[in-house]
């Protein structure tokens, strides 16, 4: 029997979460992420924030890695002053996820960044971010949607060759591309919606939207195939 690939997914560390009679510090993740991994044929493994020096050991046990969405990346990570519209920092998560990305790239472990995960991939490779843009998160706490057009000839363009509507919720985006990254999808307003590394640098893709909130499993299935 073929063993499904083990896909690690990074998680939140929250100061207080409530379930039953408890309200405690908690590691958590929206269920859409592991469900999408499972639906695409993988085994989901949740990765709570840890010491960055342990990232390589964690990645060595995985077949693939997903860096999940979440809070804004600290602008200090890309040498920028904080905008008044940038959210509070999550230093433990920034440090851990950047170390995971670096370890995955070094080891050739297939990597998918989702929303914040795409932005962190860009920052890890020396890129910068737009700290606020309008129109991609219209109602607080509610996912919106808009069309995304692939760039022909790219990894993403091969996975999803047609323009599609995607679930979105973000107010930041890629500004200067990180070293080696190629834009592989755009929104109608020109916002970079997907980035990737060339094939000779391994399987690494970032998408600005939230596939875990939609019905299209193709991006995650592509990760699972690369990790198998």
N, C-alpha and C. Protein backbone atom coordinates (compact mmCIF):
# COMPACT_ATOMS: atom_id res chain seq x y z
N UNK A 1 0.84 -1.20 0.00
CA UNK A 1 0.00 0.00 0.00
C UNK A 1 0.88 1.25 0.00
N UNK A 2 0.59 2.19 -0.89
CA UNK A 2 1.36 3.42 -0.97
C UNK A 2 1.05 4.32 0.21
N UNK A 3 2.10 4.82 0.85
CA UNK A 3 1.93 5.73 1.99
C UNK A 3 1.76 7.15 1.47
N UNK A 4 0.69 7.86 1.83
CA UNK A 4 0.51 9.24 1.38
C UNK A 4 1.64 10.12 1.89
N UNK A 5 2.04 11.13 1.13
CA UNK A 5 3.10 12.03 1.59
C UNK A 5 2.68 12.82 2.83
N UNK A 6 3.65 13.06 3.70
CA UNK A 6 3.41 13.80 4.94
C UNK A 6 3.67 15.29 4.66
N UNK A 7 2.63 16.09 4.84
CA UNK A 7 2.69 17.52 4.53
C UNK A 7 2.58 18.32 5.82
N UNK A 8 3.63 19.02 6.16
CA UNK A 8 3.60 19.89 7.34
C UNK A 8 2.94 21.21 7.01
N UNK A 9 2.12 21.70 7.94
CA UNK A 9 1.42 22.98 7.78
C UNK A 9 1.73 23.84 9.01
N UNK A 10 2.24 25.04 8.80
CA UNK A 10 2.54 25.92 9.93
C UNK A 10 1.25 26.42 10.57
N UNK A 11 1.34 26.82 11.84
CA UNK A 11 0.15 27.16 12.62
C UNK A 11 0.31 28.50 13.35
N UNK A 12 -0.80 28.95 13.89
CA UNK A 12 -0.83 30.12 14.74
C UNK A 12 -0.43 29.75 16.17
N UNK A 13 0.08 30.74 16.91
CA UNK A 13 0.24 30.64 18.36
C UNK A 13 -0.55 31.81 18.95
N UNK A 14 -1.67 31.50 19.60
CA UNK A 14 -2.57 32.53 20.11
C UNK A 14 -2.53 32.58 21.63
N UNK A 15 -2.57 33.80 22.17
CA UNK A 15 -2.45 33.97 23.62
C UNK A 15 -3.65 33.43 24.38
N UNK A 16 -4.81 33.39 23.74
CA UNK A 16 -5.99 32.88 24.43
C UNK A 16 -7.01 32.34 23.43
N UNK A 17 -7.38 31.09 23.56
CA UNK A 17 -8.44 30.49 22.75
C UNK A 17 -9.36 29.73 23.69
N UNK A 18 -10.64 29.67 23.35
CA UNK A 18 -11.64 29.07 24.25
C UNK A 18 -12.25 27.83 23.64
N UNK A 19 -12.31 26.76 24.40
CA UNK A 19 -13.06 25.56 24.03
C UNK A 19 -13.51 24.89 25.32
N UNK A 20 -14.76 24.44 25.33
CA UNK A 20 -15.31 23.86 26.55
C UNK A 20 -15.21 24.84 27.71
N UNK A 21 -14.64 24.37 28.82
CA UNK A 21 -14.47 25.23 30.00
C UNK A 21 -13.12 25.94 30.00
N UNK A 22 -12.31 25.74 28.95
CA UNK A 22 -10.93 26.22 28.96
C UNK A 22 -10.75 27.49 28.14
N UNK A 23 -9.88 28.37 28.60
CA UNK A 23 -9.36 29.48 27.83
C UNK A 23 -7.87 29.56 28.11
N UNK A 24 -7.07 29.12 27.13
CA UNK A 24 -5.64 28.96 27.33
C UNK A 24 -4.88 29.40 26.08
N UNK A 25 -3.58 29.62 26.26
CA UNK A 25 -2.72 29.79 25.10
C UNK A 25 -2.85 28.55 24.23
N UNK A 26 -2.91 28.75 22.92
CA UNK A 26 -3.22 27.61 22.05
C UNK A 26 -2.49 27.73 20.71
N UNK A 27 -2.13 26.57 20.20
CA UNK A 27 -1.66 26.44 18.82
C UNK A 27 -2.88 26.04 18.00
N UNK A 28 -3.16 26.77 16.93
CA UNK A 28 -4.38 26.47 16.16
C UNK A 28 -4.20 26.79 14.69
N UNK A 29 -5.13 26.27 13.90
CA UNK A 29 -5.11 26.44 12.46
C UNK A 29 -6.52 26.24 11.95
N UNK A 30 -7.01 27.10 11.05
CA UNK A 30 -8.32 26.84 10.44
C UNK A 30 -8.36 25.46 9.80
N UNK A 31 -9.45 24.75 10.00
CA UNK A 31 -9.56 23.36 9.56
C UNK A 31 -9.46 23.20 8.06
N UNK A 32 -9.71 24.27 7.29
CA UNK A 32 -9.63 24.18 5.84
C UNK A 32 -8.27 23.72 5.35
N UNK A 33 -7.20 24.07 6.05
CA UNK A 33 -5.86 23.68 5.61
C UNK A 33 -5.65 22.17 5.66
N UNK A 34 -5.78 21.54 6.84
CA UNK A 34 -5.59 20.08 6.84
C UNK A 34 -6.62 19.35 5.99
N UNK A 35 -7.83 19.86 5.93
CA UNK A 35 -8.84 19.20 5.10
C UNK A 35 -8.45 19.23 3.62
N UNK A 36 -7.88 20.36 3.17
CA UNK A 36 -7.45 20.43 1.77
C UNK A 36 -6.29 19.48 1.51
N UNK A 37 -5.34 19.40 2.44
CA UNK A 37 -4.25 18.44 2.30
C UNK A 37 -4.80 17.03 2.20
N UNK A 38 -5.74 16.69 3.07
CA UNK A 38 -6.33 15.34 3.07
C UNK A 38 -7.10 15.08 1.79
N UNK A 39 -7.87 16.05 1.35
CA UNK A 39 -8.68 15.90 0.14
C UNK A 39 -7.80 15.72 -1.09
N UNK A 40 -6.61 16.33 -1.06
CA UNK A 40 -5.69 16.23 -2.18
C UNK A 40 -4.83 14.96 -2.13
N UNK A 41 -4.97 14.18 -1.06
CA UNK A 41 -4.28 12.90 -1.00
C UNK A 41 -3.09 12.84 -0.08
N UNK A 42 -2.90 13.85 0.77
CA UNK A 42 -1.77 13.86 1.68
C UNK A 42 -2.18 13.62 3.12
N UNK A 43 -1.17 13.41 3.98
CA UNK A 43 -1.36 13.35 5.42
C UNK A 43 -0.92 14.69 5.99
N UNK A 44 -1.79 15.34 6.76
CA UNK A 44 -1.49 16.66 7.30
C UNK A 44 -0.83 16.55 8.67
N UNK A 45 0.24 17.32 8.87
CA UNK A 45 0.96 17.37 10.13
C UNK A 45 1.10 18.83 10.52
N UNK A 46 0.57 19.22 11.67
CA UNK A 46 0.59 20.62 12.09
C UNK A 46 1.91 20.95 12.78
N UNK A 47 2.50 22.10 12.41
CA UNK A 47 3.80 22.51 12.90
C UNK A 47 3.67 23.77 13.76
N UNK A 48 3.63 23.64 15.08
CA UNK A 48 3.55 24.83 15.93
C UNK A 48 4.86 25.59 15.92
N UNK A 49 4.83 26.90 16.19
CA UNK A 49 6.07 27.67 16.27
C UNK A 49 7.06 27.02 17.23
N UNK A 50 8.33 27.01 16.83
CA UNK A 50 9.39 26.37 17.59
C UNK A 50 10.65 27.19 17.41
N UNK A 51 11.74 26.75 18.03
CA UNK A 51 13.01 27.44 17.86
C UNK A 51 13.45 27.34 16.41
N UNK A 52 13.84 28.46 15.78
CA UNK A 52 14.24 28.40 14.38
C UNK A 52 15.34 27.38 14.09
N UNK A 53 16.21 27.14 15.05
CA UNK A 53 17.28 26.18 14.86
C UNK A 53 16.81 24.75 14.71
N UNK A 54 15.54 24.50 14.99
CA UNK A 54 14.99 23.15 14.86
C UNK A 54 14.24 22.96 13.54
N UNK A 55 14.20 24.00 12.70
CA UNK A 55 13.42 23.93 11.47
C UNK A 55 13.95 22.87 10.51
N UNK A 56 15.26 22.79 10.35
CA UNK A 56 15.83 21.82 9.40
C UNK A 56 15.49 20.40 9.82
N UNK A 57 15.51 20.13 11.12
CA UNK A 57 15.17 18.79 11.60
C UNK A 57 13.70 18.47 11.33
N UNK A 58 12.83 19.47 11.49
CA UNK A 58 11.41 19.26 11.20
C UNK A 58 11.19 18.99 9.73
N UNK A 59 11.79 19.82 8.87
CA UNK A 59 11.60 19.68 7.43
C UNK A 59 12.15 18.35 6.93
N UNK A 60 13.21 17.85 7.55
CA UNK A 60 13.82 16.59 7.12
C UNK A 60 12.86 15.41 7.28
N UNK A 61 11.84 15.56 8.12
CA UNK A 61 10.88 14.49 8.35
C UNK A 61 9.64 14.63 7.47
N UNK A 62 9.59 15.68 6.65
CA UNK A 62 8.41 15.96 5.84
C UNK A 62 8.66 15.62 4.37
N UNK A 63 7.56 15.37 3.66
CA UNK A 63 7.62 15.23 2.21
C UNK A 63 7.24 16.52 1.50
N UNK A 64 6.54 17.40 2.19
CA UNK A 64 6.13 18.68 1.63
C UNK A 64 5.80 19.64 2.75
N UNK A 65 5.78 20.93 2.45
CA UNK A 65 5.57 21.96 3.46
C UNK A 65 4.59 23.00 2.94
N UNK A 66 3.64 23.39 3.81
CA UNK A 66 2.72 24.49 3.53
C UNK A 66 2.93 25.56 4.59
N UNK A 67 3.20 26.78 4.17
CA UNK A 67 3.23 27.93 5.08
C UNK A 67 1.88 28.62 4.96
N UNK A 68 1.12 28.60 6.05
CA UNK A 68 -0.27 29.03 6.03
C UNK A 68 -0.40 30.56 6.10
N UNK A 69 -1.62 31.03 5.84
CA UNK A 69 -1.93 32.44 5.97
C UNK A 69 -1.94 32.87 7.43
N UNK A 70 -2.05 34.17 7.65
CA UNK A 70 -2.06 34.66 9.02
C UNK A 70 -1.71 36.13 9.10
N UNK A 71 -1.09 36.56 10.21
CA UNK A 71 -0.85 37.99 10.45
C UNK A 71 0.19 38.57 9.50
N UNK A 72 0.23 39.91 9.47
CA UNK A 72 1.18 40.61 8.63
C UNK A 72 2.62 40.28 9.04
N UNK A 73 3.49 40.20 8.05
CA UNK A 73 4.92 40.02 8.30
C UNK A 73 5.48 41.32 8.87
N UNK A 74 6.34 41.20 9.89
CA UNK A 74 6.95 42.38 10.49
C UNK A 74 7.77 43.12 9.41
N UNK A 75 7.47 44.40 9.14
CA UNK A 75 8.21 45.14 8.10
C UNK A 75 9.71 45.19 8.36
N UNK A 76 10.14 45.06 9.62
CA UNK A 76 11.57 45.05 9.91
C UNK A 76 12.27 43.90 9.21
N UNK A 77 11.51 42.85 8.89
CA UNK A 77 12.10 41.68 8.21
C UNK A 77 12.53 42.02 6.79
N UNK A 78 11.94 43.09 6.21
CA UNK A 78 12.36 43.48 4.87
C UNK A 78 12.83 44.93 4.83
N UNK A 79 13.26 45.43 5.99
CA UNK A 79 13.93 46.72 6.05
C UNK A 79 13.04 47.92 5.85
N UNK A 80 11.75 47.80 6.21
CA UNK A 80 10.81 48.91 6.02
C UNK A 80 10.29 49.42 7.35
N UNK A 81 9.88 50.67 7.39
CA UNK A 81 9.20 51.21 8.56
C UNK A 81 7.76 50.72 8.57
N UNK A 82 7.22 50.53 9.77
CA UNK A 82 5.86 50.03 9.90
C UNK A 82 4.84 51.08 9.48
N UNK A 83 3.92 50.68 8.58
CA UNK A 83 2.81 51.54 8.20
C UNK A 83 1.76 51.51 9.31
N UNK A 84 1.01 52.61 9.51
CA UNK A 84 -0.07 52.59 10.51
C UNK A 84 -1.13 51.53 10.21
N UNK A 85 -1.21 51.04 8.95
CA UNK A 85 -2.24 50.06 8.59
C UNK A 85 -1.70 48.62 8.63
N UNK A 86 -0.47 48.45 9.05
CA UNK A 86 0.10 47.11 9.21
C UNK A 86 -0.27 46.57 10.58
N UNK A 87 -0.65 45.30 10.63
CA UNK A 87 -1.08 44.69 11.88
C UNK A 87 0.06 44.45 12.84
N UNK A 88 -0.26 44.05 14.08
CA UNK A 88 0.77 43.79 15.09
C UNK A 88 1.68 42.64 14.68
N UNK A 89 2.94 42.69 15.11
CA UNK A 89 3.88 41.65 14.71
C UNK A 89 3.62 40.32 15.42
N UNK A 90 4.10 39.26 14.79
CA UNK A 90 4.08 37.91 15.37
C UNK A 90 5.50 37.37 15.28
N UNK A 91 6.40 37.85 16.15
CA UNK A 91 7.83 37.57 15.97
C UNK A 91 8.20 36.08 16.02
N UNK A 92 7.54 35.32 16.92
CA UNK A 92 7.86 33.89 16.99
C UNK A 92 7.49 33.18 15.70
N UNK A 93 6.34 33.55 15.16
CA UNK A 93 5.89 32.89 13.93
C UNK A 93 6.75 33.32 12.74
N UNK A 94 7.08 34.61 12.66
CA UNK A 94 7.95 35.07 11.58
C UNK A 94 9.26 34.29 11.58
N UNK A 95 9.90 34.20 12.73
CA UNK A 95 11.21 33.55 12.82
C UNK A 95 11.12 32.07 12.46
N UNK A 96 10.10 31.38 12.98
CA UNK A 96 9.94 29.96 12.74
C UNK A 96 9.63 29.67 11.27
N UNK A 97 8.70 30.41 10.69
CA UNK A 97 8.30 30.13 9.32
C UNK A 97 9.39 30.52 8.32
N UNK A 98 10.12 31.60 8.58
CA UNK A 98 11.24 31.92 7.71
C UNK A 98 12.29 30.82 7.76
N UNK A 99 12.53 30.27 8.95
CA UNK A 99 13.49 29.17 9.06
C UNK A 99 12.98 27.92 8.35
N UNK A 100 11.67 27.65 8.43
CA UNK A 100 11.10 26.51 7.70
C UNK A 100 11.28 26.68 6.20
N UNK A 101 11.00 27.89 5.69
CA UNK A 101 11.14 28.15 4.26
C UNK A 101 12.59 27.94 3.82
N UNK A 102 13.52 28.51 4.57
CA UNK A 102 14.94 28.36 4.22
C UNK A 102 15.36 26.90 4.23
N UNK A 103 14.87 26.14 5.22
CA UNK A 103 15.22 24.73 5.31
C UNK A 103 14.63 23.94 4.15
N UNK A 104 13.38 24.24 3.78
CA UNK A 104 12.74 23.53 2.67
C UNK A 104 13.46 23.83 1.36
N UNK A 105 13.82 25.08 1.12
CA UNK A 105 14.53 25.43 -0.11
C UNK A 105 15.90 24.76 -0.15
N UNK A 106 16.58 24.72 0.99
CA UNK A 106 17.90 24.10 1.03
C UNK A 106 17.84 22.60 0.80
N UNK A 107 16.77 21.96 1.31
CA UNK A 107 16.65 20.51 1.22
C UNK A 107 15.91 20.04 -0.02
N UNK A 108 15.34 20.97 -0.79
CA UNK A 108 14.57 20.59 -1.96
C UNK A 108 13.23 19.98 -1.63
N UNK A 109 12.67 20.31 -0.47
CA UNK A 109 11.35 19.82 -0.08
C UNK A 109 10.29 20.71 -0.73
N UNK A 110 9.33 20.14 -1.46
CA UNK A 110 8.30 20.95 -2.11
C UNK A 110 7.60 21.89 -1.12
N UNK A 111 7.40 23.14 -1.53
CA UNK A 111 6.93 24.19 -0.66
C UNK A 111 5.79 24.94 -1.31
N UNK A 112 4.69 25.11 -0.56
CA UNK A 112 3.56 25.93 -0.98
C UNK A 112 3.31 27.00 0.07
N UNK A 113 3.37 28.26 -0.33
CA UNK A 113 3.03 29.37 0.56
C UNK A 113 1.66 29.91 0.22
N UNK A 114 0.83 30.08 1.24
CA UNK A 114 -0.53 30.58 1.05
C UNK A 114 -0.67 31.94 1.72
N UNK A 115 -1.01 32.96 0.95
CA UNK A 115 -1.23 34.32 1.41
C UNK A 115 0.01 34.83 2.17
N UNK A 116 -0.04 34.92 3.49
CA UNK A 116 1.15 35.29 4.25
C UNK A 116 2.34 34.40 3.88
N UNK A 117 2.07 33.11 3.60
CA UNK A 117 3.14 32.20 3.24
C UNK A 117 3.84 32.61 1.95
N UNK A 118 3.07 33.11 0.98
CA UNK A 118 3.67 33.62 -0.25
C UNK A 118 4.49 34.87 0.06
N UNK A 119 3.96 35.75 0.90
CA UNK A 119 4.67 36.97 1.24
C UNK A 119 5.97 36.67 1.97
N UNK A 120 5.95 35.68 2.88
CA UNK A 120 7.16 35.29 3.60
C UNK A 120 8.18 34.66 2.66
N UNK A 121 7.74 33.87 1.69
CA UNK A 121 8.66 33.31 0.70
C UNK A 121 9.38 34.44 -0.01
N UNK A 122 8.65 35.47 -0.39
CA UNK A 122 9.25 36.62 -1.05
C UNK A 122 10.27 37.31 -0.14
N UNK A 123 9.90 37.51 1.12
CA UNK A 123 10.80 38.16 2.07
C UNK A 123 12.03 37.30 2.33
N UNK A 124 11.84 35.99 2.45
CA UNK A 124 12.97 35.08 2.71
C UNK A 124 14.03 35.18 1.62
N UNK A 125 13.59 35.52 0.40
CA UNK A 125 14.51 35.62 -0.73
C UNK A 125 14.92 37.06 -1.03
N UNK A 126 14.70 37.94 -0.04
CA UNK A 126 15.18 39.31 -0.15
C UNK A 126 14.22 40.30 -0.76
N UNK A 127 12.95 39.90 -0.97
CA UNK A 127 11.96 40.79 -1.53
C UNK A 127 11.30 41.67 -0.47
N UNK A 128 10.43 42.56 -0.94
CA UNK A 128 9.71 43.47 -0.05
C UNK A 128 8.22 43.36 -0.31
N UNK A 129 7.43 43.99 0.57
CA UNK A 129 5.97 43.92 0.48
C UNK A 129 5.34 45.31 0.41
N UNK A 130 4.21 45.38 -0.28
CA UNK A 130 3.31 46.52 -0.18
C UNK A 130 2.53 46.34 1.12
N UNK A 131 2.60 47.33 2.01
CA UNK A 131 1.99 47.13 3.34
C UNK A 131 0.48 47.34 3.36
N UNK A 132 -0.08 47.96 2.34
CA UNK A 132 -1.54 48.04 2.29
C UNK A 132 -1.99 48.29 0.86
N UNK A 133 -3.00 47.54 0.44
CA UNK A 133 -3.70 47.82 -0.81
C UNK A 133 -5.18 47.57 -0.57
N UNK A 134 -6.02 48.27 -1.30
CA UNK A 134 -7.46 48.15 -1.15
C UNK A 134 -8.03 47.16 -2.16
N UNK A 135 -9.19 46.63 -1.83
CA UNK A 135 -9.94 45.84 -2.79
C UNK A 135 -9.75 44.34 -2.73
N UNK A 136 -8.87 43.85 -1.84
CA UNK A 136 -8.64 42.41 -1.76
C UNK A 136 -9.17 41.82 -0.45
N UNK A 137 -9.67 42.65 0.43
CA UNK A 137 -10.34 42.21 1.66
C UNK A 137 -11.40 43.25 1.97
N UNK A 138 -12.57 43.08 1.38
CA UNK A 138 -13.56 44.15 1.39
C UNK A 138 -14.35 44.24 2.70
N UNK A 139 -14.61 43.10 3.35
CA UNK A 139 -15.37 43.08 4.60
C UNK A 139 -14.53 42.35 5.65
N UNK A 140 -14.35 42.98 6.81
CA UNK A 140 -13.53 42.38 7.86
C UNK A 140 -14.10 41.03 8.27
N UNK A 141 -13.25 40.00 8.24
CA UNK A 141 -13.66 38.67 8.67
C UNK A 141 -14.46 37.89 7.65
N UNK A 142 -14.56 38.39 6.42
CA UNK A 142 -15.33 37.71 5.38
C UNK A 142 -14.45 37.55 4.14
N UNK A 143 -14.30 36.33 3.64
CA UNK A 143 -13.53 36.11 2.42
C UNK A 143 -14.29 36.66 1.22
N UNK A 144 -13.55 37.35 0.36
CA UNK A 144 -14.11 37.81 -0.89
C UNK A 144 -13.64 36.94 -2.03
N UNK A 145 -13.63 37.49 -3.23
CA UNK A 145 -13.16 36.73 -4.39
C UNK A 145 -12.91 37.64 -5.57
N UNK A 146 -11.97 37.26 -6.40
CA UNK A 146 -11.73 37.97 -7.64
C UNK A 146 -11.02 37.04 -8.61
N UNK A 147 -11.02 37.37 -9.90
CA UNK A 147 -10.36 36.50 -10.88
C UNK A 147 -8.84 36.64 -10.83
N UNK A 148 -8.17 35.53 -11.10
CA UNK A 148 -6.71 35.49 -11.18
C UNK A 148 -6.33 34.89 -12.53
N UNK A 149 -5.42 35.56 -13.21
CA UNK A 149 -5.00 35.12 -14.55
C UNK A 149 -3.59 34.54 -14.48
N UNK A 150 -3.40 33.29 -14.93
CA UNK A 150 -2.07 32.68 -14.89
C UNK A 150 -1.15 33.24 -15.96
N UNK A 151 0.15 33.12 -15.72
CA UNK A 151 1.15 33.46 -16.73
C UNK A 151 1.50 32.18 -17.48
N UNK A 152 1.26 32.12 -18.78
CA UNK A 152 1.57 30.89 -19.54
C UNK A 152 3.04 30.50 -19.43
N UNK A 153 3.28 29.19 -19.38
CA UNK A 153 4.64 28.70 -19.33
C UNK A 153 5.22 28.58 -17.95
N UNK A 154 4.48 29.00 -16.92
CA UNK A 154 4.95 28.89 -15.54
C UNK A 154 4.43 27.61 -14.90
N UNK A 155 4.98 27.28 -13.74
CA UNK A 155 4.49 26.14 -12.97
C UNK A 155 3.01 26.30 -12.68
N UNK A 156 2.63 27.47 -12.12
CA UNK A 156 1.22 27.68 -11.82
C UNK A 156 0.37 27.63 -13.08
N UNK A 157 0.86 28.22 -14.17
CA UNK A 157 0.11 28.20 -15.42
C UNK A 157 -0.13 26.80 -15.94
N UNK A 158 0.77 25.87 -15.62
CA UNK A 158 0.57 24.48 -16.00
C UNK A 158 -0.43 23.77 -15.11
N UNK A 159 -0.53 24.20 -13.84
CA UNK A 159 -1.47 23.59 -12.89
C UNK A 159 -2.89 24.07 -13.15
N UNK A 160 -3.03 25.39 -13.34
CA UNK A 160 -4.34 26.02 -13.57
C UNK A 160 -4.19 26.91 -14.81
N UNK A 161 -4.42 26.38 -16.00
CA UNK A 161 -4.12 27.14 -17.22
C UNK A 161 -5.12 28.23 -17.56
N UNK A 162 -6.28 28.23 -16.91
CA UNK A 162 -7.31 29.22 -17.24
C UNK A 162 -7.46 30.25 -16.13
N UNK A 163 -8.06 31.38 -16.47
CA UNK A 163 -8.41 32.38 -15.45
C UNK A 163 -9.50 31.81 -14.55
N UNK A 164 -9.34 31.97 -13.22
CA UNK A 164 -10.32 31.43 -12.27
C UNK A 164 -10.63 32.45 -11.19
N UNK A 165 -11.80 32.31 -10.59
CA UNK A 165 -12.16 33.07 -9.41
C UNK A 165 -11.55 32.37 -8.19
N UNK A 166 -10.94 33.16 -7.30
CA UNK A 166 -10.29 32.58 -6.13
C UNK A 166 -10.78 33.27 -4.86
N UNK A 167 -10.78 32.55 -3.72
CA UNK A 167 -11.15 33.16 -2.44
C UNK A 167 -10.00 34.03 -1.93
N UNK A 168 -10.29 35.26 -1.56
CA UNK A 168 -9.23 36.19 -1.16
C UNK A 168 -9.55 36.85 0.18
N UNK A 169 -8.45 37.15 0.91
CA UNK A 169 -8.58 37.98 2.11
C UNK A 169 -7.17 38.43 2.48
N UNK A 170 -6.76 39.56 1.93
CA UNK A 170 -5.44 40.09 2.24
C UNK A 170 -5.43 41.60 1.98
N UNK A 171 -4.50 42.28 2.63
CA UNK A 171 -4.35 43.71 2.37
C UNK A 171 -2.90 44.06 2.09
N UNK A 172 -2.05 43.03 1.98
CA UNK A 172 -0.66 43.24 1.61
C UNK A 172 -0.34 42.40 0.38
N UNK A 173 0.78 42.72 -0.27
CA UNK A 173 1.12 42.03 -1.51
C UNK A 173 2.61 42.15 -1.77
N UNK A 174 3.09 41.40 -2.74
CA UNK A 174 4.48 41.48 -3.16
C UNK A 174 4.76 42.84 -3.79
N UNK A 175 5.88 43.43 -3.41
CA UNK A 175 6.37 44.66 -4.04
C UNK A 175 7.58 44.29 -4.89
N UNK A 176 8.79 44.41 -4.34
CA UNK A 176 9.97 43.95 -5.08
C UNK A 176 10.11 42.44 -4.93
N UNK A 177 10.27 41.75 -6.04
CA UNK A 177 10.38 40.30 -6.01
C UNK A 177 11.70 39.87 -5.38
N UNK A 178 11.63 38.77 -4.60
CA UNK A 178 12.82 38.16 -4.05
C UNK A 178 13.67 37.53 -5.13
N UNK A 179 14.93 37.26 -4.79
CA UNK A 179 15.90 36.75 -5.76
C UNK A 179 15.43 35.45 -6.40
N UNK A 180 15.33 35.45 -7.71
CA UNK A 180 14.98 34.25 -8.45
C UNK A 180 13.50 34.01 -8.63
N UNK A 181 12.66 34.71 -7.88
CA UNK A 181 11.22 34.47 -7.98
C UNK A 181 10.65 35.03 -9.29
N UNK A 182 9.68 34.30 -9.81
CA UNK A 182 9.03 34.66 -11.06
C UNK A 182 7.53 34.84 -10.79
N UNK A 183 6.91 35.95 -11.21
CA UNK A 183 5.46 36.08 -11.04
C UNK A 183 4.74 35.12 -11.98
N UNK A 184 3.74 34.41 -11.46
CA UNK A 184 3.06 33.41 -12.30
C UNK A 184 1.55 33.56 -12.34
N UNK A 185 1.01 34.60 -11.71
CA UNK A 185 -0.41 34.94 -11.84
C UNK A 185 -0.61 36.37 -11.38
N UNK A 186 -1.64 37.01 -11.94
CA UNK A 186 -1.93 38.40 -11.59
C UNK A 186 -3.44 38.59 -11.42
N UNK A 187 -3.80 39.56 -10.57
CA UNK A 187 -5.18 40.03 -10.48
C UNK A 187 -5.40 41.06 -11.58
N UNK A 188 -6.65 41.45 -11.78
CA UNK A 188 -6.99 42.42 -12.84
C UNK A 188 -6.31 43.76 -12.61
N UNK A 189 -6.03 44.10 -11.34
CA UNK A 189 -5.38 45.38 -11.06
C UNK A 189 -3.87 45.31 -11.16
N UNK A 190 -3.34 44.16 -11.58
CA UNK A 190 -1.89 43.99 -11.73
C UNK A 190 -1.19 43.42 -10.53
N UNK A 191 -1.89 43.26 -9.41
CA UNK A 191 -1.28 42.68 -8.22
C UNK A 191 -0.73 41.29 -8.53
N UNK A 192 0.49 41.04 -8.10
CA UNK A 192 1.07 39.70 -8.26
C UNK A 192 0.32 38.74 -7.35
N UNK A 193 -0.28 37.70 -7.92
CA UNK A 193 -1.11 36.77 -7.16
C UNK A 193 -0.45 35.41 -6.96
N UNK A 194 0.64 35.14 -7.68
CA UNK A 194 1.39 33.90 -7.47
C UNK A 194 2.83 34.15 -7.85
N UNK A 195 3.74 33.50 -7.11
CA UNK A 195 5.17 33.56 -7.42
C UNK A 195 5.72 32.15 -7.34
N UNK A 196 6.84 31.92 -8.01
CA UNK A 196 7.45 30.59 -7.99
C UNK A 196 8.92 30.70 -8.31
N UNK A 197 9.65 29.63 -8.00
CA UNK A 197 11.05 29.52 -8.40
C UNK A 197 11.15 28.70 -9.67
N UNK A 198 12.15 28.94 -10.49
CA UNK A 198 12.35 28.10 -11.67
C UNK A 198 12.52 26.64 -11.28
N UNK A 199 12.19 25.73 -12.19
CA UNK A 199 12.20 24.30 -11.90
C UNK A 199 13.55 23.80 -11.43
N UNK A 200 14.64 24.42 -11.90
CA UNK A 200 15.96 23.93 -11.50
C UNK A 200 16.32 24.29 -10.07
N UNK A 201 15.46 25.07 -9.41
CA UNK A 201 15.68 25.40 -8.00
C UNK A 201 14.69 24.68 -7.09
N UNK A 202 14.02 23.66 -7.61
CA UNK A 202 13.08 22.89 -6.80
C UNK A 202 11.65 23.35 -7.00
N UNK A 203 10.72 22.70 -6.27
CA UNK A 203 9.30 22.99 -6.40
C UNK A 203 8.92 23.96 -5.29
N UNK A 204 8.72 25.21 -5.65
CA UNK A 204 8.34 26.23 -4.67
C UNK A 204 7.35 27.19 -5.32
N UNK A 205 6.17 27.29 -4.74
CA UNK A 205 5.08 28.10 -5.29
C UNK A 205 4.40 28.85 -4.16
N UNK A 206 4.08 30.10 -4.40
CA UNK A 206 3.30 30.88 -3.44
C UNK A 206 2.08 31.45 -4.12
N UNK A 207 0.93 31.38 -3.46
CA UNK A 207 -0.31 31.97 -3.99
C UNK A 207 -0.86 32.95 -2.97
N UNK A 208 -1.39 34.06 -3.46
CA UNK A 208 -1.85 35.14 -2.59
C UNK A 208 -3.24 34.85 -2.02
N UNK A 209 -3.97 33.96 -2.65
CA UNK A 209 -5.34 33.68 -2.22
C UNK A 209 -5.37 32.48 -1.27
N UNK A 210 -6.58 32.03 -0.94
CA UNK A 210 -6.78 30.98 0.06
C UNK A 210 -7.46 29.76 -0.56
N UNK A 211 -6.70 28.84 -1.16
CA UNK A 211 -7.32 27.66 -1.77
C UNK A 211 -8.05 26.79 -0.76
N UNK A 212 -7.67 26.88 0.51
CA UNK A 212 -8.35 26.07 1.54
C UNK A 212 -9.78 26.52 1.77
N UNK A 213 -10.15 27.71 1.26
CA UNK A 213 -11.51 28.21 1.42
C UNK A 213 -12.34 28.01 0.16
N UNK A 214 -11.79 27.34 -0.83
CA UNK A 214 -12.51 27.13 -2.08
C UNK A 214 -12.71 25.66 -2.38
N UNK A 215 -13.14 25.39 -3.60
CA UNK A 215 -13.45 24.02 -4.02
C UNK A 215 -12.43 23.45 -5.01
N UNK A 216 -11.44 24.24 -5.39
CA UNK A 216 -10.48 23.81 -6.40
C UNK A 216 -9.23 23.26 -5.70
N UNK A 217 -8.96 21.95 -5.79
CA UNK A 217 -7.82 21.37 -5.09
C UNK A 217 -6.55 21.29 -5.92
N UNK A 218 -6.55 21.88 -7.13
CA UNK A 218 -5.44 21.62 -8.04
C UNK A 218 -4.08 22.07 -7.52
N UNK A 219 -4.01 23.23 -6.87
CA UNK A 219 -2.73 23.70 -6.36
C UNK A 219 -2.20 22.73 -5.30
N UNK A 220 -3.06 22.31 -4.38
CA UNK A 220 -2.60 21.38 -3.35
C UNK A 220 -2.29 20.01 -3.94
N UNK A 221 -3.06 19.57 -4.91
CA UNK A 221 -2.75 18.29 -5.55
C UNK A 221 -1.39 18.32 -6.23
N UNK A 222 -1.04 19.48 -6.80
CA UNK A 222 0.27 19.61 -7.43
C UNK A 222 1.38 19.48 -6.39
N UNK A 223 1.18 20.08 -5.22
CA UNK A 223 2.16 19.92 -4.13
C UNK A 223 2.27 18.45 -3.74
N UNK A 224 1.14 17.78 -3.56
CA UNK A 224 1.14 16.38 -3.16
C UNK A 224 1.86 15.52 -4.21
N UNK A 225 1.63 15.80 -5.48
CA UNK A 225 2.31 15.05 -6.55
C UNK A 225 3.82 15.28 -6.46
N UNK A 226 4.23 16.53 -6.27
CA UNK A 226 5.66 16.83 -6.16
C UNK A 226 6.28 16.18 -4.94
N UNK A 227 5.49 16.00 -3.87
CA UNK A 227 6.00 15.44 -2.63
C UNK A 227 5.96 13.91 -2.61
N UNK A 228 5.34 13.29 -3.60
CA UNK A 228 5.15 11.84 -3.60
C UNK A 228 6.38 11.10 -4.14
